[in-house]
């Protein structure tokens, strides 16, 4: 199969680009200025530098995580183990910004 990533006319239901590159999933936790915890997985995430440490996160649209990062300048990157896969999936739900997503995922927040 020839895949032209510019034209992107592959005919598949899902864009095959995501399957072409192995990548980790970054599980970002942030706090809003009101102290509401947000937890969300990001498949467009990776480490891009060691010195200094830089991570890159690709956001599609203005999501709660990005709003919180812009407002506070802080976030934590977590890595979900296989045992946490269901909690990570639950944390991908689209919910209102006031929803405490650790509870939604069945997790407790540690500091």
Protein backbone atom coordinates (compact mmCIF):
# COMPACT_ATOMS: atom_id res chain seq x y z
CA UNK A 1 0.00 0.00 0.00
CA UNK A 2 1.19 3.49 -0.82
CA UNK A 3 0.22 6.03 1.81
CA UNK A 4 0.41 9.72 0.94
CA UNK A 5 0.28 11.49 4.30
CA UNK A 6 -0.22 14.88 2.62
CA UNK A 7 -3.29 13.94 0.59
CA UNK A 8 -4.51 11.59 3.34
CA UNK A 9 -6.88 9.85 0.90
CA UNK A 10 -6.27 6.32 2.19
CA UNK A 11 -9.95 5.35 2.33
CA UNK A 12 -9.76 3.79 5.80
CA UNK A 13 -12.23 4.61 8.57
CA UNK A 14 -9.35 5.57 10.88
CA UNK A 15 -6.24 7.47 9.76
CA UNK A 16 -3.42 4.87 9.53
CA UNK A 17 -0.78 7.42 10.56
CA UNK A 18 -1.49 6.68 14.22
CA UNK A 19 -0.66 3.00 13.67
CA UNK A 20 2.59 3.70 11.82
CA UNK A 21 4.51 5.11 14.79
CA UNK A 22 4.73 3.39 18.16
CA UNK A 23 4.22 5.93 20.91
CA UNK A 24 3.50 5.94 24.62
CA UNK A 25 0.35 7.43 26.06
CA UNK A 26 0.89 10.33 28.41
CA UNK A 27 -1.63 10.41 31.24
CA UNK A 28 -1.73 14.07 32.23
CA UNK A 29 -2.97 15.29 35.56
CA UNK A 30 -3.63 18.97 36.10
CA UNK A 31 -5.44 21.19 38.56
CA UNK A 32 -7.73 24.04 37.62
CA UNK A 33 -7.30 27.37 39.37
CA UNK A 34 -10.25 26.28 41.53
CA UNK A 35 -8.39 23.10 42.58
CA UNK A 36 -10.44 20.65 40.48
CA UNK A 37 -8.29 17.72 39.37
CA UNK A 38 -8.27 16.76 35.70
CA UNK A 39 -6.89 13.46 34.45
CA UNK A 40 -6.71 12.65 30.74
CA UNK A 41 -4.75 10.36 28.40
CA UNK A 42 -2.93 11.85 25.40
CA UNK A 43 -1.71 9.63 22.60
CA UNK A 44 0.25 12.46 21.02
CA UNK A 45 2.86 12.63 23.76
CA UNK A 46 6.58 11.92 23.91
CA UNK A 47 9.93 12.89 25.36
CA UNK A 48 11.93 15.06 22.97
CA UNK A 49 14.99 16.11 24.98
CA UNK A 50 17.06 14.89 27.89
CA UNK A 51 19.02 18.03 28.82
CA UNK A 52 16.91 19.93 29.56
CA UNK A 53 13.96 17.56 30.00
CA UNK A 54 11.26 18.40 27.47
CA UNK A 55 8.06 16.59 26.73
CA UNK A 56 5.71 17.35 23.88
CA UNK A 57 1.95 16.97 24.09
CA UNK A 58 -0.29 17.35 21.08
CA UNK A 59 -3.68 18.83 21.89
CA UNK A 60 -6.65 18.69 19.54
CA UNK A 61 -8.66 21.72 20.49
CA UNK A 62 -8.83 23.61 23.76
CA UNK A 63 -9.32 20.85 26.33
CA UNK A 64 -9.52 21.12 30.12
CA UNK A 65 -5.93 19.88 30.49
CA UNK A 66 -4.62 22.61 28.21
CA UNK A 67 -6.73 25.29 29.90
CA UNK A 68 -5.38 24.21 33.29
CA UNK A 69 -1.78 24.18 32.06
CA UNK A 70 -2.17 27.65 30.55
CA UNK A 71 -3.74 28.97 33.77
CA UNK A 72 -1.35 27.41 36.30
CA UNK A 73 1.80 26.55 34.32
CA UNK A 74 1.86 23.10 35.91
CA UNK A 75 1.07 19.51 35.00
CA UNK A 76 2.27 16.02 35.84
CA UNK A 77 2.89 13.24 33.34
CA UNK A 78 1.86 9.82 34.58
CA UNK A 79 2.35 6.47 32.88
CA UNK A 80 -0.47 3.97 33.05
CA UNK A 81 0.51 0.37 33.64
CA UNK A 82 -1.41 -2.49 32.09
CA UNK A 83 -3.26 -2.93 35.38
CA UNK A 84 -4.49 0.70 35.14
CA UNK A 85 -5.71 0.46 31.53
CA UNK A 86 -9.43 0.49 32.44
CA UNK A 87 -9.01 3.52 34.71
CA UNK A 88 -7.12 5.28 31.93
CA UNK A 89 -9.94 4.50 29.50
CA UNK A 90 -12.51 5.87 31.96
CA UNK A 91 -10.47 9.07 32.30
CA UNK A 92 -10.82 9.69 28.56
CA UNK A 93 -14.55 10.45 28.93
CA UNK A 94 -15.73 13.87 27.80
CA UNK A 95 -17.11 15.49 30.95
CA UNK A 96 -17.67 18.97 32.34
CA UNK A 97 -14.62 20.78 33.78
CA UNK A 98 -16.14 20.55 37.30
CA UNK A 99 -16.00 16.72 37.29
CA UNK A 100 -13.28 15.30 39.54
CA UNK A 101 -11.78 12.85 37.05
CA UNK A 102 -9.74 10.81 39.53
CA UNK A 103 -13.04 9.70 41.10
CA UNK A 104 -14.51 9.07 37.65
CA UNK A 105 -11.56 6.77 36.90
CA UNK A 106 -11.87 5.02 40.28
CA UNK A 107 -8.54 6.39 41.53
CA UNK A 108 -7.30 8.46 44.44
CA UNK A 109 -5.00 11.41 43.96
CA UNK A 110 -1.66 11.44 45.75
CA UNK A 111 0.44 14.52 46.36
